[in-house]
Amino acid sequence: MKINTAEIVMSAVKPEQYPEGDLPEIAMVGRSNVGKSSAINTLLRRRKLARVSSSPGKTRTINFYLINNAFYLVDLPGYGYAKTSKPERASWGKMIETYLSTRENLQEVVQLVDIRHKPSKDDQLMYNWLKHFGYGSLVLATKLDKITRSQYQKHFKIIRETLEMPPGSRIMPLSSLKKTGIEEAWENMRPLLEKPDPIEVREEENTEET
């Protein structure tokens, strides 16, 4: 996918602050140290659009990035950062839950995991949470450059089995350092952003009525 324009247009903590309109959204979520900001910059082919911090747990709002004036890539707060207070973790959890359960524009939530390690308990809890809301068909495995090619399938298997990913779900490997896996990721996400042709929808409805 060619990214012509990409800009952050909104940071929200409650539904009233979400962007208006009906543009589709794909959200991304992961542990605080999984490299989510780097992954977003890599997918959007930008260097500093999403702020990369040396300290995890800095994303404390839901950030909406408008891409090609056609859809939003949504950055959800990270989870699993031990130094975050319990009240703060609870508020972030509520913020994410509200977004997942009420946002009609949301097409899918992509969970990020570190390909080097077996998904943590927090990763498993998040994935089960996503499945509860009807998401979780795509998992993005970051830091691909940290393992050898011969290890790929072994690590994919560990991720799939640990998260208990259902048949048909996809693991998308990505390296922000080597800029590999970008097109494969977009090939998996692009169908989620394509709106059906209104003429085709009407034809289907007419066929059902007859």
N, C-alpha and C. Protein backbone atom coordinates (compact mmCIF):
# COMPACT_ATOMS: atom_id res chain seq x y z
N MET A 1 0.85 -1.20 0.00
CA MET A 1 0.00 0.00 0.00
C MET A 1 0.88 1.25 0.00
N LYS A 2 0.56 2.20 -0.87
CA LYS A 2 1.29 3.45 -0.91
C LYS A 2 0.70 4.43 0.10
N ILE A 3 1.53 4.91 0.99
CA ILE A 3 1.08 5.88 1.99
C ILE A 3 1.42 7.28 1.49
N ASN A 4 0.40 8.00 1.06
CA ASN A 4 0.60 9.35 0.55
C ASN A 4 0.60 10.39 1.67
N THR A 5 -0.34 10.26 2.59
CA THR A 5 -0.41 11.19 3.70
C THR A 5 -0.67 10.42 4.99
N ALA A 6 -0.10 10.91 6.06
CA ALA A 6 -0.30 10.30 7.38
C ALA A 6 -0.10 11.37 8.43
N GLU A 7 -1.08 11.57 9.28
CA GLU A 7 -0.98 12.59 10.31
C GLU A 7 -1.81 12.20 11.52
N ILE A 8 -1.35 12.57 12.70
CA ILE A 8 -2.13 12.34 13.90
C ILE A 8 -3.15 13.47 14.01
N VAL A 9 -4.41 13.11 14.14
CA VAL A 9 -5.47 14.13 14.14
C VAL A 9 -6.22 14.21 15.46
N MET A 10 -6.06 13.19 16.31
CA MET A 10 -6.84 13.19 17.54
C MET A 10 -6.18 12.29 18.59
N SER A 11 -6.20 12.74 19.84
CA SER A 11 -5.84 11.91 20.98
C SER A 11 -7.03 11.93 21.91
N ALA A 12 -7.57 10.76 22.21
CA ALA A 12 -8.83 10.70 22.94
C ALA A 12 -8.72 9.83 24.18
N VAL A 13 -9.56 10.13 25.16
CA VAL A 13 -9.69 9.29 26.34
C VAL A 13 -11.14 8.86 26.56
N LYS A 14 -12.06 9.41 25.77
CA LYS A 14 -13.47 9.07 25.89
C LYS A 14 -14.15 9.19 24.53
N PRO A 15 -15.29 8.51 24.33
CA PRO A 15 -15.94 8.47 23.02
C PRO A 15 -16.25 9.82 22.40
N GLU A 16 -16.59 10.81 23.23
CA GLU A 16 -16.92 12.12 22.68
C GLU A 16 -15.75 12.74 21.92
N GLN A 17 -14.56 12.25 22.17
CA GLN A 17 -13.37 12.82 21.54
C GLN A 17 -12.92 12.04 20.29
N TYR A 18 -13.61 10.93 19.98
CA TYR A 18 -13.25 10.17 18.79
C TYR A 18 -13.55 11.00 17.54
N PRO A 19 -12.83 10.76 16.44
CA PRO A 19 -13.11 11.48 15.20
C PRO A 19 -14.53 11.19 14.71
N GLU A 20 -15.15 12.20 14.14
CA GLU A 20 -16.48 12.02 13.56
C GLU A 20 -16.36 11.43 12.16
N GLY A 21 -17.50 10.93 11.65
CA GLY A 21 -17.49 10.35 10.32
C GLY A 21 -17.50 8.83 10.37
N ASP A 22 -17.44 8.22 9.18
CA ASP A 22 -17.56 6.77 9.10
C ASP A 22 -16.34 6.09 8.48
N LEU A 23 -15.18 6.76 8.51
CA LEU A 23 -13.97 6.14 7.97
C LEU A 23 -13.62 4.90 8.79
N PRO A 24 -13.21 3.81 8.13
CA PRO A 24 -12.86 2.59 8.85
C PRO A 24 -11.60 2.77 9.69
N GLU A 25 -11.48 1.95 10.74
CA GLU A 25 -10.35 2.04 11.65
C GLU A 25 -9.75 0.66 11.90
N ILE A 26 -8.44 0.60 11.93
CA ILE A 26 -7.71 -0.58 12.39
C ILE A 26 -6.87 -0.14 13.58
N ALA A 27 -7.05 -0.81 14.71
CA ALA A 27 -6.34 -0.43 15.93
C ALA A 27 -5.17 -1.38 16.18
N MET A 28 -4.17 -0.88 16.91
CA MET A 28 -3.00 -1.68 17.25
C MET A 28 -2.78 -1.60 18.75
N VAL A 29 -2.49 -2.77 19.35
CA VAL A 29 -2.29 -2.83 20.79
C VAL A 29 -1.19 -3.83 21.09
N GLY A 30 -0.46 -3.59 22.18
CA GLY A 30 0.61 -4.51 22.55
C GLY A 30 1.23 -4.11 23.87
N ARG A 31 2.13 -4.95 24.37
CA ARG A 31 2.84 -4.63 25.59
C ARG A 31 3.64 -3.35 25.42
N SER A 32 3.91 -2.69 26.53
CA SER A 32 4.56 -1.38 26.49
C SER A 32 5.95 -1.42 25.87
N ASN A 33 6.61 -2.57 25.89
CA ASN A 33 7.97 -2.64 25.35
C ASN A 33 8.04 -3.45 24.06
N VAL A 34 6.93 -3.59 23.35
CA VAL A 34 6.91 -4.46 22.17
C VAL A 34 7.38 -3.73 20.91
N GLY A 35 7.54 -2.43 20.98
CA GLY A 35 7.97 -1.68 19.81
C GLY A 35 6.82 -1.21 18.95
N LYS A 36 5.70 -0.85 19.59
CA LYS A 36 4.50 -0.47 18.84
C LYS A 36 4.70 0.82 18.05
N SER A 37 5.28 1.83 18.67
CA SER A 37 5.50 3.10 17.97
C SER A 37 6.42 2.91 16.77
N SER A 38 7.47 2.12 16.94
CA SER A 38 8.38 1.85 15.82
C SER A 38 7.65 1.11 14.71
N ALA A 39 6.79 0.17 15.09
CA ALA A 39 6.04 -0.59 14.10
C ALA A 39 5.10 0.31 13.31
N ILE A 40 4.43 1.23 14.00
CA ILE A 40 3.53 2.16 13.33
C ILE A 40 4.31 3.04 12.36
N ASN A 41 5.44 3.58 12.80
CA ASN A 41 6.26 4.40 11.91
C ASN A 41 6.73 3.60 10.70
N THR A 42 7.08 2.34 10.92
CA THR A 42 7.54 1.49 9.83
C THR A 42 6.42 1.23 8.82
N LEU A 43 5.25 0.87 9.31
CA LEU A 43 4.12 0.60 8.42
C LEU A 43 3.73 1.83 7.62
N LEU A 44 3.85 3.00 8.23
CA LEU A 44 3.46 4.24 7.58
C LEU A 44 4.63 4.88 6.83
N ARG A 45 5.79 4.25 6.90
CA ARG A 45 7.00 4.74 6.23
C ARG A 45 7.32 6.18 6.66
N ARG A 46 7.20 6.39 7.95
CA ARG A 46 7.54 7.68 8.54
C ARG A 46 8.57 7.44 9.64
N ARG A 47 9.38 8.42 9.94
CA ARG A 47 10.43 8.26 10.92
C ARG A 47 9.97 8.59 12.34
N LYS A 48 9.20 9.66 12.48
CA LYS A 48 8.90 10.14 13.82
C LYS A 48 7.44 10.50 14.01
N LEU A 49 6.54 9.91 13.22
CA LEU A 49 5.12 10.25 13.36
C LEU A 49 4.61 9.79 14.73
N ALA A 50 4.82 8.51 15.03
CA ALA A 50 4.51 7.99 16.37
C ALA A 50 5.75 8.15 17.23
N ARG A 51 5.59 8.79 18.36
CA ARG A 51 6.75 9.10 19.21
C ARG A 51 7.31 7.83 19.84
N VAL A 52 8.59 7.58 19.61
CA VAL A 52 9.28 6.43 20.19
C VAL A 52 9.98 6.89 21.45
N SER A 53 9.65 6.27 22.58
CA SER A 53 10.23 6.68 23.86
C SER A 53 11.14 5.59 24.41
N SER A 54 12.19 6.01 25.12
CA SER A 54 13.09 5.05 25.77
C SER A 54 12.44 4.45 27.00
N SER A 55 11.38 5.10 27.50
CA SER A 55 10.65 4.60 28.66
C SER A 55 9.30 4.05 28.23
N PRO A 56 9.01 2.77 28.52
CA PRO A 56 7.72 2.20 28.12
C PRO A 56 6.57 2.81 28.89
N GLY A 57 5.36 2.59 28.36
CA GLY A 57 4.17 3.04 29.06
C GLY A 57 3.82 4.49 28.84
N LYS A 58 4.35 5.10 27.77
CA LYS A 58 4.13 6.53 27.54
C LYS A 58 2.82 6.82 26.81
N THR A 59 2.29 5.84 26.07
CA THR A 59 1.03 6.07 25.37
C THR A 59 -0.11 5.96 26.36
N ARG A 60 -0.73 7.08 26.69
CA ARG A 60 -1.77 7.09 27.71
C ARG A 60 -3.10 7.56 27.15
N THR A 61 -3.16 7.71 25.84
CA THR A 61 -4.40 8.09 25.17
C THR A 61 -4.60 7.18 23.96
N ILE A 62 -5.78 7.25 23.37
CA ILE A 62 -6.04 6.56 22.11
C ILE A 62 -5.72 7.55 21.00
N ASN A 63 -4.70 7.24 20.21
CA ASN A 63 -4.22 8.17 19.19
C ASN A 63 -4.71 7.74 17.80
N PHE A 64 -5.33 8.66 17.09
CA PHE A 64 -5.90 8.38 15.78
C PHE A 64 -5.01 9.00 14.69
N TYR A 65 -4.47 8.15 13.81
CA TYR A 65 -3.66 8.60 12.68
C TYR A 65 -4.49 8.48 11.41
N LEU A 66 -4.70 9.60 10.73
CA LEU A 66 -5.46 9.61 9.48
C LEU A 66 -4.53 9.29 8.32
N ILE A 67 -4.86 8.22 7.59
CA ILE A 67 -3.99 7.74 6.52
C ILE A 67 -4.67 7.94 5.17
N ASN A 68 -4.01 8.64 4.27
CA ASN A 68 -4.51 8.87 2.91
C ASN A 68 -5.91 9.46 2.89
N ASN A 69 -6.30 10.11 3.97
CA ASN A 69 -7.66 10.66 4.10
C ASN A 69 -8.72 9.59 3.88
N ALA A 70 -8.35 8.32 4.10
CA ALA A 70 -9.26 7.22 3.78
C ALA A 70 -9.57 6.31 4.96
N PHE A 71 -8.67 6.23 5.94
CA PHE A 71 -8.90 5.38 7.10
C PHE A 71 -8.01 5.84 8.24
N TYR A 72 -8.29 5.30 9.43
CA TYR A 72 -7.49 5.62 10.61
C TYR A 72 -6.72 4.39 11.08
N LEU A 73 -5.46 4.59 11.43
CA LEU A 73 -4.70 3.61 12.18
C LEU A 73 -4.70 4.12 13.61
N VAL A 74 -5.17 3.30 14.54
CA VAL A 74 -5.43 3.75 15.90
C VAL A 74 -4.45 3.09 16.87
N ASP A 75 -3.75 3.90 17.61
CA ASP A 75 -2.75 3.44 18.58
C ASP A 75 -3.37 3.40 19.97
N LEU A 76 -3.55 2.19 20.51
CA LEU A 76 -4.13 2.02 21.83
C LEU A 76 -3.03 2.00 22.90
N PRO A 77 -3.33 2.41 24.13
CA PRO A 77 -2.32 2.38 25.20
C PRO A 77 -1.71 1.00 25.39
N GLY A 78 -0.42 0.97 25.70
CA GLY A 78 0.25 -0.31 25.95
C GLY A 78 -0.15 -0.88 27.29
N TYR A 79 0.12 -2.16 27.47
CA TYR A 79 -0.24 -2.84 28.72
C TYR A 79 0.98 -3.58 29.27
N GLY A 80 0.88 -3.98 30.54
CA GLY A 80 1.91 -4.81 31.12
C GLY A 80 3.11 -4.09 31.69
N TYR A 81 3.03 -2.76 31.81
CA TYR A 81 4.16 -2.01 32.36
C TYR A 81 4.07 -2.02 33.87
N ALA A 82 5.04 -2.68 34.51
CA ALA A 82 4.97 -2.95 35.95
C ALA A 82 4.96 -1.67 36.81
N LYS A 83 5.59 -0.60 36.34
CA LYS A 83 5.70 0.60 37.16
C LYS A 83 4.47 1.48 37.10
N THR A 84 3.51 1.10 36.27
CA THR A 84 2.27 1.87 36.20
C THR A 84 1.41 1.54 37.41
N SER A 85 0.81 2.54 38.01
CA SER A 85 -0.02 2.32 39.20
C SER A 85 -1.28 1.55 38.83
N LYS A 86 -1.85 0.84 39.81
CA LYS A 86 -3.07 0.07 39.56
C LYS A 86 -4.24 0.95 39.10
N PRO A 87 -4.46 2.11 39.74
CA PRO A 87 -5.55 2.97 39.25
C PRO A 87 -5.36 3.41 37.81
N GLU A 88 -4.10 3.68 37.44
CA GLU A 88 -3.83 4.12 36.08
C GLU A 88 -4.05 2.98 35.10
N ARG A 89 -3.60 1.76 35.46
CA ARG A 89 -3.83 0.60 34.60
C ARG A 89 -5.32 0.35 34.43
N ALA A 90 -6.08 0.54 35.51
CA ALA A 90 -7.52 0.34 35.45
C ALA A 90 -8.18 1.34 34.52
N SER A 91 -7.72 2.59 34.57
CA SER A 91 -8.31 3.62 33.71
C SER A 91 -8.00 3.35 32.25
N TRP A 92 -6.77 2.87 31.96
CA TRP A 92 -6.41 2.54 30.57
C TRP A 92 -7.24 1.36 30.09
N GLY A 93 -7.42 0.36 30.98
CA GLY A 93 -8.22 -0.80 30.61
C GLY A 93 -9.65 -0.41 30.27
N LYS A 94 -10.22 0.47 31.07
CA LYS A 94 -11.58 0.93 30.83
C LYS A 94 -11.66 1.71 29.52
N MET A 95 -10.62 2.52 29.25
CA MET A 95 -10.57 3.31 28.03
C MET A 95 -10.58 2.39 26.80
N ILE A 96 -9.75 1.34 26.85
CA ILE A 96 -9.67 0.40 25.73
C ILE A 96 -10.96 -0.38 25.59
N GLU A 97 -11.51 -0.85 26.72
CA GLU A 97 -12.76 -1.62 26.68
C GLU A 97 -13.90 -0.81 26.07
N THR A 98 -13.99 0.46 26.45
CA THR A 98 -15.04 1.32 25.90
C THR A 98 -14.89 1.46 24.39
N TYR A 99 -13.66 1.65 23.95
CA TYR A 99 -13.40 1.79 22.51
C TYR A 99 -13.77 0.49 21.77
N LEU A 100 -13.32 -0.65 22.29
CA LEU A 100 -13.58 -1.93 21.63
C LEU A 100 -15.06 -2.27 21.56
N SER A 101 -15.79 -1.92 22.60
CA SER A 101 -17.19 -2.33 22.70
C SER A 101 -18.17 -1.35 22.06
N THR A 102 -17.73 -0.13 21.77
CA THR A 102 -18.68 0.87 21.27
C THR A 102 -18.34 1.44 19.90
N ARG A 103 -17.13 1.28 19.44
CA ARG A 103 -16.70 1.97 18.21
C ARG A 103 -17.15 1.21 16.96
N GLU A 104 -18.14 1.71 16.28
CA GLU A 104 -18.69 1.05 15.11
C GLU A 104 -17.73 1.09 13.92
N ASN A 105 -16.85 2.08 13.87
CA ASN A 105 -15.91 2.21 12.75
C ASN A 105 -14.80 1.17 12.80
N LEU A 106 -14.62 0.54 13.95
CA LEU A 106 -13.48 -0.37 14.15
C LEU A 106 -13.67 -1.66 13.36
N GLN A 107 -12.69 -1.96 12.50
CA GLN A 107 -12.75 -3.16 11.67
C GLN A 107 -11.96 -4.33 12.27
N GLU A 108 -10.84 -4.04 12.90
CA GLU A 108 -10.00 -5.09 13.48
C GLU A 108 -9.01 -4.49 14.45
N VAL A 109 -8.58 -5.29 15.41
CA VAL A 109 -7.52 -4.89 16.34
C VAL A 109 -6.34 -5.83 16.11
N VAL A 110 -5.21 -5.28 15.75
CA VAL A 110 -3.99 -6.05 15.53
C VAL A 110 -3.19 -6.05 16.83
N GLN A 111 -2.92 -7.24 17.36
CA GLN A 111 -2.12 -7.32 18.57
C GLN A 111 -0.66 -7.54 18.21
N LEU A 112 0.22 -6.77 18.84
CA LEU A 112 1.65 -6.89 18.60
C LEU A 112 2.29 -7.76 19.68
N VAL A 113 3.16 -8.67 19.27
CA VAL A 113 3.93 -9.49 20.20
C VAL A 113 5.38 -9.49 19.75
N ASP A 114 6.28 -9.69 20.68
CA ASP A 114 7.71 -9.77 20.39
C ASP A 114 8.01 -11.18 19.91
N ILE A 115 8.48 -11.32 18.67
CA ILE A 115 8.66 -12.64 18.09
C ILE A 115 9.71 -13.47 18.83
N ARG A 116 10.58 -12.82 19.58
CA ARG A 116 11.66 -13.54 20.26
C ARG A 116 11.18 -14.35 21.45
N HIS A 117 10.03 -13.96 22.02
CA HIS A 117 9.61 -14.54 23.29
C HIS A 117 8.22 -15.16 23.20
N LYS A 118 8.00 -16.14 24.02
CA LYS A 118 6.66 -16.71 24.15
C LYS A 118 5.72 -15.63 24.68
N PRO A 119 4.53 -15.48 24.09
CA PRO A 119 3.60 -14.47 24.57
C PRO A 119 3.38 -14.58 26.07
N SER A 120 3.37 -13.44 26.75
CA SER A 120 3.24 -13.40 28.20
C SER A 120 1.79 -13.63 28.64
N LYS A 121 1.60 -13.72 29.94
CA LYS A 121 0.24 -13.84 30.47
C LYS A 121 -0.60 -12.63 30.08
N ASP A 122 0.02 -11.45 30.12
CA ASP A 122 -0.70 -10.24 29.71
C ASP A 122 -1.09 -10.32 28.24
N ASP A 123 -0.18 -10.84 27.40
CA ASP A 123 -0.50 -11.01 25.98
C ASP A 123 -1.68 -11.95 25.80
N GLN A 124 -1.68 -13.05 26.56
CA GLN A 124 -2.76 -14.02 26.45
C GLN A 124 -4.09 -13.42 26.90
N LEU A 125 -4.05 -12.67 28.00
CA LEU A 125 -5.28 -12.03 28.49
C LEU A 125 -5.82 -11.03 27.46
N MET A 126 -4.93 -10.25 26.86
CA MET A 126 -5.36 -9.28 25.86
C MET A 126 -5.95 -9.99 24.65
N TYR A 127 -5.30 -11.06 24.20
CA TYR A 127 -5.81 -11.76 23.02
C TYR A 127 -7.18 -12.36 23.29
N ASN A 128 -7.37 -12.94 24.46
CA ASN A 128 -8.68 -13.48 24.81
C ASN A 128 -9.73 -12.38 24.89
N TRP A 129 -9.31 -11.22 25.36
CA TRP A 129 -10.19 -10.06 25.45
C TRP A 129 -10.62 -9.64 24.05
N LEU A 130 -9.65 -9.59 23.12
CA LEU A 130 -9.96 -9.21 21.75
C LEU A 130 -10.93 -10.22 21.11
N LYS A 131 -10.68 -11.50 21.35
CA LYS A 131 -11.58 -12.51 20.79
C LYS A 131 -12.99 -12.37 21.36
N HIS A 132 -13.07 -11.97 22.62
CA HIS A 132 -14.39 -11.75 23.24
C HIS A 132 -15.18 -10.68 22.49
N PHE A 133 -14.48 -9.67 21.99
CA PHE A 133 -15.13 -8.58 21.27
C PHE A 133 -15.20 -8.84 19.76
N GLY A 134 -14.77 -10.03 19.34
CA GLY A 134 -14.88 -10.39 17.93
C GLY A 134 -13.70 -10.00 17.07
N TYR A 135 -12.55 -9.71 17.69
CA TYR A 135 -11.36 -9.33 16.94
C TYR A 135 -10.27 -10.40 17.13
N GLY A 136 -9.05 -10.09 16.70
CA GLY A 136 -7.94 -11.00 16.93
C GLY A 136 -7.57 -11.89 15.76
N SER A 137 -7.99 -11.52 14.54
CA SER A 137 -7.65 -12.36 13.39
C SER A 137 -6.23 -12.11 12.90
N LEU A 138 -5.62 -11.00 13.36
CA LEU A 138 -4.27 -10.64 12.93
C LEU A 138 -3.37 -10.36 14.13
N VAL A 139 -2.18 -10.95 14.10
CA VAL A 139 -1.16 -10.69 15.11
C VAL A 139 0.10 -10.24 14.39
N LEU A 140 0.68 -9.14 14.85
CA LEU A 140 1.91 -8.61 14.25
C LEU A 140 3.08 -8.98 15.15
N ALA A 141 4.03 -9.73 14.61
CA ALA A 141 5.20 -10.17 15.37
C ALA A 141 6.36 -9.23 15.09
N THR A 142 6.75 -8.43 16.07
CA THR A 142 7.80 -7.42 15.89
C THR A 142 9.19 -8.00 16.13
N LYS A 143 10.20 -7.20 15.76
CA LYS A 143 11.62 -7.51 16.01
C LYS A 143 12.06 -8.77 15.29
N LEU A 144 11.58 -8.93 14.05
CA LEU A 144 11.92 -10.09 13.24
C LEU A 144 13.42 -10.22 13.02
N ASP A 145 14.12 -9.08 12.97
CA ASP A 145 15.56 -9.10 12.70
C ASP A 145 16.36 -9.70 13.85
N LYS A 146 15.73 -9.92 15.00
CA LYS A 146 16.44 -10.44 16.17
C LYS A 146 16.56 -11.96 16.17
N ILE A 147 15.90 -12.64 15.23
CA ILE A 147 16.03 -14.09 15.13
C ILE A 147 16.45 -14.45 13.71
N THR A 148 16.97 -15.66 13.52
CA THR A 148 17.40 -16.09 12.18
C THR A 148 16.22 -16.65 11.40
N ARG A 149 16.35 -16.66 10.09
CA ARG A 149 15.27 -17.15 9.24
C ARG A 149 14.89 -18.59 9.57
N SER A 150 15.87 -19.40 9.96
CA SER A 150 15.60 -20.79 10.28
C SER A 150 14.74 -20.95 11.54
N GLN A 151 14.63 -19.88 12.33
CA GLN A 151 13.85 -19.92 13.56
C GLN A 151 12.41 -19.43 13.38
N TYR A 152 12.10 -18.87 12.21
CA TYR A 152 10.80 -18.25 12.00
C TYR A 152 9.64 -19.18 12.37
N GLN A 153 9.60 -20.33 11.73
CA GLN A 153 8.45 -21.23 11.90
C GLN A 153 8.31 -21.72 13.34
N LYS A 154 9.44 -21.94 14.01
CA LYS A 154 9.40 -22.35 15.41
C LYS A 154 8.72 -21.28 16.26
N HIS A 155 9.08 -20.04 16.05
CA HIS A 155 8.52 -18.95 16.84
C HIS A 155 7.06 -18.67 16.46
N PHE A 156 6.73 -18.79 15.18
CA PHE A 156 5.34 -18.65 14.77
C PHE A 156 4.47 -19.69 15.48
N LYS A 157 4.97 -20.91 15.55
CA LYS A 157 4.24 -22.01 16.19
C LYS A 157 4.02 -21.72 17.67
N ILE A 158 5.04 -21.21 18.35
CA ILE A 158 4.93 -20.89 19.77
C ILE A 158 3.86 -19.81 19.99
N ILE A 159 3.89 -18.77 19.16
CA ILE A 159 2.91 -17.68 19.28
C ILE A 159 1.50 -18.21 19.05
N ARG A 160 1.33 -18.96 17.98
CA ARG A 160 0.00 -19.47 17.62
C ARG A 160 -0.57 -20.37 18.71
N GLU A 161 0.26 -21.26 19.23
CA GLU A 161 -0.21 -22.21 20.25
C GLU A 161 -0.45 -21.51 21.59
N THR A 162 0.42 -20.59 21.97
CA THR A 162 0.28 -19.92 23.26
C THR A 162 -0.97 -19.05 23.29
N LEU A 163 -1.23 -18.35 22.21
CA LEU A 163 -2.41 -17.49 22.15
C LEU A 163 -3.68 -18.27 21.79
N GLU A 164 -3.49 -19.53 21.38
CA GLU A 164 -4.62 -20.36 20.94
C GLU A 164 -5.37 -19.65 19.81
N MET A 165 -4.60 -19.25 18.80
CA MET A 165 -5.16 -18.55 17.66
C MET A 165 -6.04 -19.49 16.84
N PRO A 166 -7.23 -19.07 16.46
CA PRO A 166 -8.13 -19.94 15.70
C PRO A 166 -7.66 -20.11 14.27
N PRO A 167 -8.15 -21.16 13.58
CA PRO A 167 -7.79 -21.37 12.18
C PRO A 167 -8.16 -20.15 11.34
N GLY A 168 -7.31 -19.82 10.39
CA GLY A 168 -7.57 -18.68 9.53
C GLY A 168 -6.96 -17.38 10.02
N SER A 169 -6.53 -17.33 11.27
CA SER A 169 -5.88 -16.13 11.80
C SER A 169 -4.45 -16.07 11.26
N ARG A 170 -3.90 -14.88 11.19
CA ARG A 170 -2.61 -14.69 10.55
C ARG A 170 -1.59 -14.05 11.49
N ILE A 171 -0.33 -14.50 11.36
CA ILE A 171 0.79 -13.87 12.04
C ILE A 171 1.59 -13.11 10.99
N MET A 172 1.80 -11.81 11.21
CA MET A 172 2.50 -10.96 10.25
C MET A 172 3.84 -10.54 10.85
N PRO A 173 4.96 -11.08 10.38
CA PRO A 173 6.27 -10.70 10.92
C PRO A 173 6.73 -9.36 10.38
N LEU A 174 7.37 -8.56 11.24
CA LEU A 174 7.80 -7.22 10.84
C LEU A 174 9.14 -6.88 11.50
N SER A 175 10.01 -6.28 10.71
CA SER A 175 11.26 -5.75 11.24
C SER A 175 11.31 -4.26 10.98
N SER A 176 11.28 -3.46 12.05
CA SER A 176 11.39 -2.01 11.91
C SER A 176 12.82 -1.61 11.55
N LEU A 177 13.78 -2.44 11.92
CA LEU A 177 15.18 -2.13 11.63
C LEU A 177 15.48 -2.33 10.15
N LYS A 178 15.06 -3.48 9.60
CA LYS A 178 15.37 -3.79 8.21
C LYS A 178 14.24 -3.42 7.25
N LYS A 179 13.12 -2.93 7.81
CA LYS A 179 11.97 -2.50 6.99
C LYS A 179 11.44 -3.67 6.14
N THR A 180 11.35 -4.84 6.74
CA THR A 180 10.80 -5.99 6.04
C THR A 180 9.45 -6.38 6.65
N GLY A 181 8.58 -6.93 5.81
CA GLY A 181 7.26 -7.36 6.25
C GLY A 181 6.18 -6.31 6.09
N ILE A 182 6.54 -5.14 5.58
CA ILE A 182 5.58 -4.04 5.48
C ILE A 182 4.46 -4.38 4.51
N GLU A 183 4.82 -4.79 3.30
CA GLU A 183 3.80 -5.07 2.28
C GLU A 183 2.93 -6.25 2.68
N GLU A 184 3.53 -7.28 3.29
CA GLU A 184 2.75 -8.43 3.73
C GLU A 184 1.71 -8.01 4.77
N ALA A 185 2.11 -7.12 5.68
CA ALA A 185 1.17 -6.65 6.69
C ALA A 185 0.01 -5.91 6.05
N TRP A 186 0.31 -5.01 5.10
CA TRP A 186 -0.76 -4.26 4.45
C TRP A 186 -1.65 -5.16 3.59
N GLU A 187 -1.07 -6.20 3.00
CA GLU A 187 -1.89 -7.14 2.21
C GLU A 187 -2.93 -7.82 3.09
N ASN A 188 -2.60 -8.05 4.34
CA ASN A 188 -3.55 -8.66 5.27
C ASN A 188 -4.55 -7.66 5.81
N MET A 189 -4.14 -6.40 5.93
CA MET A 189 -5.03 -5.40 6.50
C MET A 189 -5.90 -4.70 5.46
N ARG A 190 -5.42 -4.64 4.21
CA ARG A 190 -6.15 -3.89 3.17
C ARG A 190 -7.60 -4.36 2.99
N PRO A 191 -7.89 -5.68 2.95
CA PRO A 191 -9.28 -6.10 2.77
C PRO A 191 -10.23 -5.58 3.85
N LEU A 192 -9.70 -5.31 5.04
CA LEU A 192 -10.53 -4.81 6.13
C LEU A 192 -10.97 -3.37 5.89
N LEU A 193 -10.26 -2.68 5.01
CA LEU A 193 -10.52 -1.27 4.78
C LEU A 193 -11.37 -1.01 3.55
N GLU A 194 -11.62 -2.07 2.78
CA GLU A 194 -12.37 -1.91 1.54
C GLU A 194 -13.86 -1.96 1.81
N LYS A 195 -14.53 -0.87 1.48
CA LYS A 195 -15.97 -0.81 1.65
C LYS A 195 -16.65 -1.49 0.47
N PRO A 196 -17.73 -2.25 0.70
CA PRO A 196 -18.43 -2.88 -0.41
C PRO A 196 -19.06 -1.86 -1.34
N ASP A 197 -19.10 -2.19 -2.62
CA ASP A 197 -19.74 -1.33 -3.60
C ASP A 197 -21.23 -1.22 -3.29
N PRO A 198 -21.76 0.02 -3.12
CA PRO A 198 -23.19 0.18 -2.79
C PRO A 198 -24.10 -0.51 -3.79
N ILE A 199 -23.71 -0.54 -5.08
CA ILE A 199 -24.54 -1.20 -6.09
C ILE A 199 -24.60 -2.70 -5.83
N GLU A 200 -23.44 -3.29 -5.49
CA GLU A 200 -23.41 -4.72 -5.20
C GLU A 200 -24.23 -5.05 -3.97
N VAL A 201 -24.16 -4.17 -2.95
CA VAL A 201 -24.93 -4.40 -1.72
C VAL A 201 -26.42 -4.39 -2.03
N ARG A 202 -26.86 -3.42 -2.84
CA ARG A 202 -28.28 -3.35 -3.19
C ARG A 202 -28.72 -4.57 -3.98
N GLU A 203 -27.84 -5.03 -4.89
CA GLU A 203 -28.17 -6.21 -5.68
C GLU A 203 -28.32 -7.44 -4.79
N GLU A 204 -27.45 -7.56 -3.80
CA GLU A 204 -27.53 -8.68 -2.87
C GLU A 204 -28.82 -8.62 -2.06
N GLU A 205 -29.18 -7.41 -1.64
CA GLU A 205 -30.40 -7.24 -0.85
C GLU A 205 -31.63 -7.59 -1.68
N ASN A 206 -31.62 -7.18 -2.96
CA ASN A 206 -32.75 -7.47 -3.83
C ASN A 206 -32.86 -8.97 -4.08
N THR A 207 -31.71 -9.65 -4.21
CA THR A 207 -31.72 -11.09 -4.43
C THR A 207 -32.30 -11.81 -3.23
N GLU A 208 -31.94 -11.34 -2.02
CA GLU A 208 -32.47 -11.96 -0.80
C GLU A 208 -33.97 -11.77 -0.70
N GLU A 209 -34.46 -10.60 -1.13
CA GLU A 209 -35.89 -10.32 -1.02
C GLU A 209 -36.71 -11.19 -1.95
N THR A 210 -36.14 -11.49 -3.14
CA THR A 210 -36.88 -12.31 -4.10
C THR A 210 -36.78 -13.79 -3.75
